[in-house]
């Protein structure tokens, strides 16, 4: 199992005792979702859920623009999630969405005098070099994406992908002998201003931050925890206004890439085709997904979805071409997010035409990520089984990892 380095998470709360109850929160373009969870039998149980609606434009590309509106939505979501518990829960894990989080792997190879054991100081110096190299790499990528070179980035998640000593994999370096060290580390970077915004939100809502983490990292840990023999795969999250792709080799994330098309754009297609508001179109789309529309209405929705999905699929194929260091991709692909509930998405992604443009090792094998993949998370509410809640629930894997329970 990959290990998360808590030294790289300055947002961990130094509480005297580990809380048994906590919240997970993630932010979308139209709502804030919150789950209340309870530590139980080596895992966690969902004991409450809440959602606070936000006005259009309050969150754009993961950035919180209208802070007061989002604060009110967070208060509503937390209140709903804890309404039936008879107590307040203040410890929270905030998720960072894929459209705001830069994920990448950095590898360093170093020669040393193998006669002496590796000291903790030497390890710290090595990881400092890795983080420096990773930061420069992340700043360059952020500049290419946004054109902004003035934004400071912060590491929110840092995890060892592999460690080698004299070309042999080892679980750790300290006190071992060897002449050549090679290590690869996955880091997730977020703009510093967003971290400050989350800290201010927590303060206003009287919440204590346990951790701030990459949502894609949490989703990948979810897959790894329930597929112990799986080493190489791809994770695709089709969220509200983006699609995030993570490529995993050797059970470690190589990099994440983002496409600015998501579930909201499917809703927009329905809205434009049927002359509805976004709220109305979303209700219609959910009714379509659950098979509650007439045949005529269903055909209109189907046509609108196919138009948007063709654009989405073209963008997805281009996204894979951005993985310049990857020669071939694993064929196992997990899909999650709100968009994963749209039947037409599965129809179009399983077509051969686009897959032929991507160097997969063999024909892609697609699988929908469900709550069954959350092996250590159970739903005690019966209300959050849909795909839109899975990312919020997967953030509990960060709690389990912090508490050393993920491999129990």
Protein backbone atom coordinates (compact mmCIF):
# COMPACT_ATOMS: atom_id res chain seq x y z
CA UNK A 1 0.00 0.00 0.00
CA UNK A 2 1.25 3.49 -0.76
CA UNK A 3 2.05 5.56 2.28
CA UNK A 4 1.04 9.16 2.72
CA UNK A 5 3.67 11.45 4.22
CA UNK A 6 2.04 13.47 6.97
CA UNK A 7 5.00 15.86 7.07
CA UNK A 8 3.75 17.16 3.76
CA UNK A 9 0.25 17.85 5.12
CA UNK A 10 0.47 20.97 7.27
CA UNK A 11 -3.31 20.99 7.68
CA UNK A 12 -3.43 17.98 9.99
CA UNK A 13 -5.01 18.87 13.31
CA UNK A 14 -2.79 18.16 16.32
CA UNK A 15 -5.62 17.06 18.55
CA UNK A 16 -4.90 15.21 21.78
CA UNK A 17 -7.20 12.34 20.90
CA UNK A 18 -8.34 10.90 17.58
CA UNK A 19 -11.98 11.78 16.93
CA UNK A 20 -14.29 8.86 16.19
CA UNK A 21 -16.69 11.10 14.28
CA UNK A 22 -15.79 13.42 11.44
CA UNK A 23 -17.10 15.15 8.32
CA UNK A 24 -16.05 14.95 4.67
CA UNK A 25 -16.86 17.89 2.41
CA UNK A 26 -16.47 18.62 -1.28
CA UNK A 27 -17.46 21.62 -3.36
CA UNK A 28 -19.13 21.58 -6.79
CA UNK A 29 -20.37 24.29 -9.12
CA UNK A 30 -23.92 24.10 -7.79
CA UNK A 31 -23.68 22.59 -4.30
CA UNK A 32 -21.62 21.69 -1.26
CA UNK A 33 -21.87 18.06 -0.13
CA UNK A 34 -21.18 16.87 3.40
CA UNK A 35 -21.15 13.42 4.98
CA UNK A 36 -20.98 12.66 8.69
CA UNK A 37 -19.05 9.47 9.49
CA UNK A 38 -18.33 7.35 12.52
CA UNK A 39 -15.30 5.12 13.12
CA UNK A 40 -16.51 1.54 13.59
CA UNK A 41 -14.86 -1.92 13.51
CA UNK A 42 -11.73 -0.81 11.66
CA UNK A 43 -13.73 1.12 9.07
CA UNK A 44 -16.18 4.00 8.95
CA UNK A 45 -19.96 4.25 8.76
CA UNK A 46 -21.90 7.08 7.11
CA UNK A 47 -24.37 8.39 9.69
CA UNK A 48 -25.62 11.54 7.99
CA UNK A 49 -25.65 13.45 4.71
CA UNK A 50 -26.35 17.03 3.70
CA UNK A 51 -26.29 19.23 0.65
CA UNK A 52 -26.26 23.03 0.44
CA UNK A 53 -27.15 24.66 -2.88
CA UNK A 54 -25.06 27.54 -4.18
CA UNK A 55 -25.82 30.19 -6.78
CA UNK A 56 -24.46 29.82 -10.33
CA UNK A 57 -20.96 31.24 -10.60
CA UNK A 58 -20.19 30.93 -6.89
CA UNK A 59 -17.64 28.20 -7.67
CA UNK A 60 -15.78 28.26 -10.99
CA UNK A 61 -13.13 25.72 -11.99
CA UNK A 62 -12.88 24.69 -8.35
CA UNK A 63 -12.25 28.26 -7.17
CA UNK A 64 -14.59 29.62 -4.52
CA UNK A 65 -15.66 33.03 -5.84
CA UNK A 66 -18.72 34.00 -3.76
CA UNK A 67 -17.38 33.18 -0.31
CA UNK A 68 -20.48 34.23 1.66
CA UNK A 69 -22.79 32.16 -0.52
CA UNK A 70 -20.54 29.10 -0.25
CA UNK A 71 -20.18 29.60 3.52
CA UNK A 72 -23.97 29.57 3.89
CA UNK A 73 -24.19 26.43 1.74
CA UNK A 74 -21.53 24.73 3.88
CA UNK A 75 -23.43 25.62 7.06
CA UNK A 76 -26.60 24.14 5.52
CA UNK A 77 -24.82 20.95 4.39
CA UNK A 78 -23.21 20.37 7.80
CA UNK A 79 -26.48 21.08 9.62
CA UNK A 80 -28.37 18.57 7.45
CA UNK A 81 -25.66 15.93 7.84
CA UNK A 82 -25.72 16.19 11.64
CA UNK A 83 -29.41 17.03 12.19
CA UNK A 84 -30.42 13.60 13.49
CA UNK A 85 -27.29 12.93 15.55
CA UNK A 86 -28.06 15.13 18.53
CA UNK A 87 -24.52 16.50 18.59
CA UNK A 88 -22.11 18.68 16.67
CA UNK A 89 -19.23 17.22 14.67
CA UNK A 90 -16.43 19.70 14.10
CA UNK A 91 -13.57 17.65 12.58
CA UNK A 92 -13.57 17.91 8.79
CA UNK A 93 -11.68 16.64 5.76
CA UNK A 94 -11.96 18.97 2.76
CA UNK A 95 -11.57 17.53 -0.73
CA UNK A 96 -9.89 19.40 -3.58
CA UNK A 97 -11.53 18.82 -6.95
CA UNK A 98 -9.59 17.65 -9.97
CA UNK A 99 -9.97 20.91 -11.88
CA UNK A 100 -8.00 22.76 -9.20
CA UNK A 101 -5.53 20.06 -8.15
CA UNK A 102 -2.33 19.33 -10.08
CA UNK A 103 -1.20 15.74 -9.55
CA UNK A 104 2.18 14.45 -10.75
CA UNK A 105 4.90 11.93 -10.02
CA UNK A 106 8.52 13.06 -9.53
CA UNK A 107 11.44 10.62 -9.68
CA UNK A 108 14.95 11.18 -8.32
CA UNK A 109 17.98 8.90 -8.57
CA UNK A 110 20.96 9.55 -6.28
CA UNK A 111 24.34 7.87 -5.72
CA UNK A 112 25.84 7.62 -2.25
CA UNK A 113 28.46 5.82 -0.15
CA UNK A 114 26.89 2.43 0.43
CA UNK A 115 29.13 1.62 3.40
CA UNK A 116 27.08 3.81 5.71
CA UNK A 117 23.40 3.31 6.62
CA UNK A 118 20.89 5.86 5.37
CA UNK A 119 20.11 8.34 8.13
CA UNK A 120 16.90 10.22 8.76
CA UNK A 121 18.68 13.47 7.90
CA UNK A 122 19.77 12.03 4.54
CA UNK A 123 16.20 10.93 3.86
CA UNK A 124 14.84 14.38 4.71
CA UNK A 125 17.36 16.00 2.36
CA UNK A 126 16.37 13.59 -0.41
CA UNK A 127 12.66 14.33 -0.04
CA UNK A 128 13.38 18.06 0.11
CA UNK A 129 15.10 17.72 -3.29
CA UNK A 130 12.12 15.79 -4.65
CA UNK A 131 9.67 18.42 -3.41
CA UNK A 132 11.76 21.24 -4.89
CA UNK A 133 11.87 19.49 -8.27
CA UNK A 134 8.15 18.69 -8.07
CA UNK A 135 7.30 22.30 -7.25
CA UNK A 136 9.18 23.63 -10.29
CA UNK A 137 7.45 21.03 -12.46
CA UNK A 138 4.04 21.95 -11.04
CA UNK A 139 4.63 25.70 -11.46
CA UNK A 140 5.55 25.18 -15.11
CA UNK A 141 2.43 23.10 -15.73
CA UNK A 142 0.21 25.61 -13.91
CA UNK A 143 1.71 28.38 -16.06
CA UNK A 144 0.94 26.42 -19.24
CA UNK A 145 -2.66 25.84 -18.14
CA UNK A 146 -3.50 29.29 -16.74
CA UNK A 147 -0.85 31.66 -18.07
CA UNK A 148 -0.34 32.85 -14.48
CA UNK A 149 3.17 32.66 -13.04
CA UNK A 150 2.44 34.59 -9.84
CA UNK A 151 0.42 31.97 -7.97
CA UNK A 152 2.09 30.07 -5.14
CA UNK A 153 1.27 26.37 -4.91
CA UNK A 154 0.96 24.17 -1.84
CA UNK A 155 1.38 20.40 -1.51
CA UNK A 156 -1.77 18.86 -0.02
CA UNK A 157 -1.02 15.20 -0.67
CA UNK A 158 2.38 13.50 -0.87
CA UNK A 159 2.70 9.75 -1.29
CA UNK A 160 5.54 7.34 -2.09
CA UNK A 161 4.95 5.52 -5.37
CA UNK A 162 8.04 3.32 -5.05
CA UNK A 163 11.44 3.23 -3.33
CA UNK A 164 14.41 1.35 -4.77
CA UNK A 165 17.83 0.69 -3.27
CA UNK A 166 20.44 -0.73 -5.65
CA UNK A 167 17.60 -1.40 -8.10
CA UNK A 168 15.62 -3.47 -5.57
CA UNK A 169 12.28 -2.32 -4.17
CA UNK A 170 12.31 -1.68 -0.43
CA UNK A 171 9.53 -0.54 1.94
CA UNK A 172 11.68 2.22 3.45
CA UNK A 173 15.20 3.68 3.33
CA UNK A 174 16.16 4.53 6.89
CA UNK A 175 19.04 2.48 8.35
CA UNK A 176 19.50 0.49 5.11
CA UNK A 177 22.75 0.18 3.16
CA UNK A 178 22.97 0.86 -0.57
CA UNK A 179 24.89 2.84 -3.18
CA UNK A 180 22.03 3.96 -5.46
CA UNK A 181 18.70 5.35 -4.27
CA UNK A 182 15.77 5.76 -6.64
CA UNK A 183 12.43 7.00 -5.39
CA UNK A 184 9.23 8.24 -7.00
CA UNK A 185 6.75 10.42 -5.15
CA UNK A 186 3.25 11.54 -6.11
CA UNK A 187 2.43 15.10 -5.09
CA UNK A 188 -0.85 16.97 -5.43
CA UNK A 189 -0.52 20.75 -5.63
CA UNK A 190 -3.20 23.39 -5.01
CA UNK A 191 -3.03 27.19 -5.27
CA UNK A 192 -2.19 28.70 -1.89
CA UNK A 193 -5.13 31.11 -2.08
CA UNK A 194 -7.57 28.18 -2.17
CA UNK A 195 -6.06 26.69 0.99
CA UNK A 196 -6.45 30.06 2.69
CA UNK A 197 -10.07 30.23 1.54
CA UNK A 198 -10.82 26.79 2.99
CA UNK A 199 -9.16 27.71 6.27
CA UNK A 200 -11.30 30.85 6.49
CA UNK A 201 -14.44 28.87 5.64
CA UNK A 202 -13.66 26.38 8.39
CA UNK A 203 -13.12 29.18 10.89
CA UNK A 204 -16.42 30.87 10.02
CA UNK A 205 -18.27 27.55 10.29
CA UNK A 206 -16.46 26.60 13.52
CA UNK A 207 -14.91 23.51 11.94
CA UNK A 208 -11.52 21.97 12.75
CA UNK A 209 -9.60 20.87 9.65
CA UNK A 210 -8.15 17.36 9.95
CA UNK A 211 -6.81 17.29 6.39
CA UNK A 212 -7.14 18.87 2.97
CA UNK A 213 -6.64 16.29 0.26
CA UNK A 214 -6.87 15.50 -3.43
CA UNK A 215 -10.22 13.93 -4.32
CA UNK A 216 -8.62 11.90 -7.10
CA UNK A 217 -6.02 10.55 -4.67
CA UNK A 218 -8.87 9.44 -2.39
CA UNK A 219 -10.68 7.77 -5.30
CA UNK A 220 -7.54 5.90 -6.33
CA UNK A 221 -7.01 4.70 -2.76
CA UNK A 222 -10.62 3.50 -2.82
CA UNK A 223 -9.90 1.38 -5.88
CA UNK A 224 -6.62 0.05 -4.48
CA UNK A 225 -8.22 -0.89 -1.15
CA UNK A 226 -10.79 -3.10 -2.87
CA UNK A 227 -8.63 -4.47 -5.74
CA UNK A 228 -5.52 -5.78 -4.00
CA UNK A 229 -4.08 -7.53 -7.07
CA UNK A 230 -4.54 -4.59 -9.43
CA UNK A 231 -1.35 -2.63 -10.19
CA UNK A 232 -2.03 -0.68 -13.38
CA UNK A 233 -5.28 1.09 -14.29
CA UNK A 234 -6.93 4.39 -15.18
CA UNK A 235 -9.43 6.33 -13.08
CA UNK A 236 -11.85 8.78 -14.74
CA UNK A 237 -14.04 11.08 -12.66
CA UNK A 238 -16.82 12.80 -14.62
CA UNK A 239 -17.78 15.45 -12.11
CA UNK A 240 -19.94 18.56 -12.26
CA UNK A 241 -17.98 20.76 -14.66
CA UNK A 242 -14.85 18.75 -15.40
CA UNK A 243 -13.49 15.30 -16.18
CA UNK A 244 -10.35 14.29 -14.30
CA UNK A 245 -8.14 11.40 -15.44
CA UNK A 246 -5.50 9.64 -13.35
CA UNK A 247 -3.04 7.13 -14.80
CA UNK A 248 -1.80 4.55 -12.30
CA UNK A 249 1.23 2.28 -12.73
CA UNK A 250 2.60 0.01 -10.01
CA UNK A 251 -0.26 1.13 -7.71
CA UNK A 252 1.00 4.72 -7.85
CA UNK A 253 -0.45 7.76 -9.63
CA UNK A 254 1.81 8.89 -12.46
CA UNK A 255 -0.13 12.08 -13.18
CA UNK A 256 -3.61 13.57 -13.34
CA UNK A 257 -5.00 15.54 -16.28
CA UNK A 258 -8.16 17.62 -16.50
CA UNK A 259 -10.80 18.24 -19.18
CA UNK A 260 -13.20 21.15 -18.63
CA UNK A 261 -16.31 19.24 -19.67
CA UNK A 262 -18.50 17.42 -17.16
CA UNK A 263 -22.00 16.56 -16.01
CA UNK A 264 -23.08 20.22 -15.96
CA UNK A 265 -22.42 20.42 -19.70
CA UNK A 266 -24.66 17.39 -20.27
CA UNK A 267 -27.36 19.29 -18.37
CA UNK A 268 -26.69 22.40 -20.47
CA UNK A 269 -27.25 20.38 -23.64
CA UNK A 270 -30.65 19.26 -22.35
CA UNK A 271 -31.44 22.82 -21.22
CA UNK A 272 -30.73 24.29 -24.65
CA UNK A 273 -32.55 21.56 -26.56
CA UNK A 274 -35.70 21.69 -24.40
CA UNK A 275 -35.74 25.40 -23.51
CA UNK A 276 -35.46 24.76 -19.77
CA UNK A 277 -33.58 26.41 -16.93
CA UNK A 278 -30.53 24.55 -15.64
CA UNK A 279 -32.40 23.44 -12.50
CA UNK A 280 -35.32 22.17 -14.60
CA UNK A 281 -32.99 20.46 -17.08
CA UNK A 282 -31.15 18.69 -14.27
CA UNK A 283 -34.43 17.34 -12.89
CA UNK A 284 -35.36 16.15 -16.39
CA UNK A 285 -31.98 14.45 -16.84
CA UNK A 286 -32.27 12.69 -13.49
CA UNK A 287 -35.78 11.53 -14.48
CA UNK A 288 -34.34 10.28 -17.77
CA UNK A 289 -31.60 8.36 -15.99
CA UNK A 290 -34.17 6.67 -13.74
CA UNK A 291 -36.46 5.88 -16.70
CA UNK A 292 -39.33 8.18 -15.71
CA UNK A 293 -39.75 10.14 -18.96
CA UNK A 294 -42.08 9.43 -21.86
CA UNK A 295 -40.58 7.93 -25.00
CA UNK A 296 -40.82 11.27 -26.83
CA UNK A 297 -39.14 13.19 -24.00
CA UNK A 298 -36.50 10.49 -23.69
CA UNK A 299 -35.61 10.73 -27.38
CA UNK A 300 -35.08 14.49 -27.08
CA UNK A 301 -32.81 14.05 -24.06
CA UNK A 302 -30.95 11.23 -25.80
CA UNK A 303 -30.27 13.41 -28.84
CA UNK A 304 -29.04 16.31 -26.69
CA UNK A 305 -26.73 14.05 -24.71
CA UNK A 306 -25.16 12.46 -27.77
CA UNK A 307 -24.20 15.86 -29.18
CA UNK A 308 -22.41 16.89 -25.97
CA UNK A 309 -20.87 13.47 -25.41
CA UNK A 310 -19.26 13.47 -28.86
CA UNK A 311 -17.43 16.67 -27.89
CA UNK A 312 -16.55 15.15 -24.51
CA UNK A 313 -15.11 12.01 -26.09
CA UNK A 314 -12.97 14.01 -28.52
CA UNK A 315 -11.62 15.99 -25.58
CA UNK A 316 -10.93 12.80 -23.64
CA UNK A 317 -8.90 11.35 -26.51
CA UNK A 318 -6.85 14.55 -26.71
CA UNK A 319 -6.33 14.43 -22.94
CA UNK A 320 -4.64 11.03 -23.21
CA UNK A 321 -2.22 12.47 -25.76
CA UNK A 322 -0.99 14.91 -23.06
CA UNK A 323 0.57 12.02 -21.11
CA UNK A 324 3.85 12.44 -22.96
CA UNK A 325 5.84 10.03 -20.78
CA UNK A 326 3.41 7.12 -21.17
CA UNK A 327 4.00 4.70 -24.07
CA UNK A 328 1.04 2.40 -23.42
CA UNK A 329 -1.96 2.70 -21.11
CA UNK A 330 -3.45 0.02 -18.90
CA UNK A 331 -6.69 -1.40 -20.27
CA UNK A 332 -8.59 -1.40 -16.95
CA UNK A 333 -10.58 1.84 -16.62
CA UNK A 334 -12.78 2.85 -13.67
CA UNK A 335 -15.35 5.61 -14.17
CA UNK A 336 -17.13 7.55 -11.44
CA UNK A 337 -18.74 10.92 -10.75
CA UNK A 338 -22.20 12.27 -11.55
CA UNK A 339 -21.64 11.69 -15.25
CA UNK A 340 -21.14 7.96 -14.68
CA UNK A 341 -24.91 7.61 -14.19
CA UNK A 342 -25.64 8.75 -17.76
CA UNK A 343 -26.29 5.62 -19.92
CA UNK A 344 -25.18 7.30 -23.16
CA UNK A 345 -21.74 7.96 -21.70
CA UNK A 346 -21.15 4.23 -21.46
CA UNK A 347 -22.45 3.65 -24.97
CA UNK A 348 -20.12 6.19 -26.55
CA UNK A 349 -17.00 5.42 -24.51
CA UNK A 350 -17.21 1.74 -25.43
CA UNK A 351 -17.00 2.51 -29.15
CA UNK A 352 -13.81 1.30 -30.80
CA UNK A 353 -13.10 4.41 -32.87
CA UNK A 354 -11.76 6.66 -30.10
CA UNK A 355 -9.93 3.83 -28.32
CA UNK A 356 -7.92 3.10 -31.47
CA UNK A 357 -6.41 6.58 -31.15
CA UNK A 358 -5.06 5.82 -27.66
CA UNK A 359 -2.22 3.27 -27.17
CA UNK A 360 -3.96 0.87 -24.78
CA UNK A 361 -2.19 -2.43 -24.03
CA UNK A 362 -5.37 -4.22 -25.08
CA UNK A 363 -9.05 -3.43 -25.61
CA UNK A 364 -10.25 -1.19 -22.75
CA UNK A 365 -12.28 -2.81 -19.98
CA UNK A 366 -14.61 -0.25 -18.37
CA UNK A 367 -16.07 -0.57 -14.88
CA UNK A 368 -18.29 1.78 -12.91
CA UNK A 369 -16.99 2.60 -9.45
CA UNK A 370 -19.73 2.02 -6.85
CA UNK A 371 -20.15 1.98 -3.09
CA UNK A 372 -19.29 -1.73 -3.19
CA UNK A 373 -15.73 -0.59 -3.93
CA UNK A 374 -15.67 1.29 -0.63
CA UNK A 375 -14.74 -1.82 1.30
CA UNK A 376 -14.20 -0.04 4.61
CA UNK A 377 -17.13 2.38 4.27
CA UNK A 378 -20.75 1.44 4.97
CA UNK A 379 -23.85 3.57 4.46
CA UNK A 380 -26.03 3.71 7.54
CA UNK A 381 -28.41 6.25 5.99
CA UNK A 382 -29.59 4.47 2.84
CA UNK A 383 -29.54 7.86 1.08
CA UNK A 384 -26.15 8.18 -0.61
CA UNK A 385 -25.80 5.20 -2.94
CA UNK A 386 -25.70 7.27 -6.15
CA UNK A 387 -22.49 8.20 -7.98
CA UNK A 388 -22.71 11.87 -7.00
CA UNK A 389 -21.90 10.97 -3.36
CA UNK A 390 -19.06 8.55 -4.01
CA UNK A 391 -16.30 11.17 -4.14
CA UNK A 392 -17.47 12.69 -0.85
CA UNK A 393 -17.51 9.22 0.72
CA UNK A 394 -14.09 8.29 -0.67
CA UNK A 395 -12.52 11.19 1.26
CA UNK A 396 -13.00 9.01 4.35
CA UNK A 397 -10.11 6.89 3.00
CA UNK A 398 -7.83 9.81 3.93
CA UNK A 399 -9.08 9.53 7.51
CA UNK A 400 -8.46 5.77 7.52
CA UNK A 401 -4.95 6.30 6.18
CA UNK A 402 -4.20 8.99 8.75
CA UNK A 403 -5.37 6.66 11.51
CA UNK A 404 -3.38 3.69 10.15
CA UNK A 405 -6.53 1.67 9.45
CA UNK A 406 -6.41 1.36 5.67
CA UNK A 407 -4.39 -1.87 5.61
CA UNK A 408 -5.97 -3.54 8.65
